[in-house]
Structures are given as C-alpha cells and as structure tokens.
Amino acid sequence: MIMIKNMLLKNKQDLYLYKISMV
C-alpha cells in the first residue's frame, strides 16, 4: 500500500517537472 502511494507521489512529481520543462 505504501509503495503504491509512493509511486503515485513520484509520478505526480515527474508530471509536475515535465510541465515545468514544457514551458
């Protein structure tokens, strides 16, 4: 459960960084 939550959190960070790099 914690691992999945951690993965989702990391995914959100990656998406966020991706959006920043797109600008």
Protein backbone atom coordinates (compact mmCIF):
# COMPACT_ATOMS: atom_id res chain seq x y z
CA MET A 1 0.00 0.00 0.00
CA ILE A 2 2.71 2.45 0.99
CA MET A 3 4.78 1.52 -2.06
CA ILE A 4 1.88 2.23 -4.39
CA LYS A 5 1.24 5.54 -2.68
CA ASN A 6 4.92 6.38 -3.03
CA MET A 7 4.84 5.55 -6.74
CA LEU A 8 1.83 7.79 -7.29
CA LEU A 9 3.53 10.59 -5.42
CA LYS A 10 6.67 10.22 -7.51
CA ASN A 11 4.54 10.15 -10.64
CA LYS A 12 2.93 13.44 -9.66
CA GLN A 13 6.35 15.00 -9.14
CA ASP A 14 7.51 13.75 -12.54
CA LEU A 15 4.41 15.16 -14.21
CA TYR A 16 4.98 18.46 -12.44
CA LEU A 17 8.61 18.61 -13.56
CA TYR A 18 7.53 17.66 -17.07
CA LYS A 19 5.06 20.55 -17.17
CA ILE A 20 7.74 22.97 -15.98
CA SER A 21 10.19 21.82 -18.65
CA MET A 22 7.50 22.26 -21.31
CA VAL A 23 7.07 25.95 -20.52
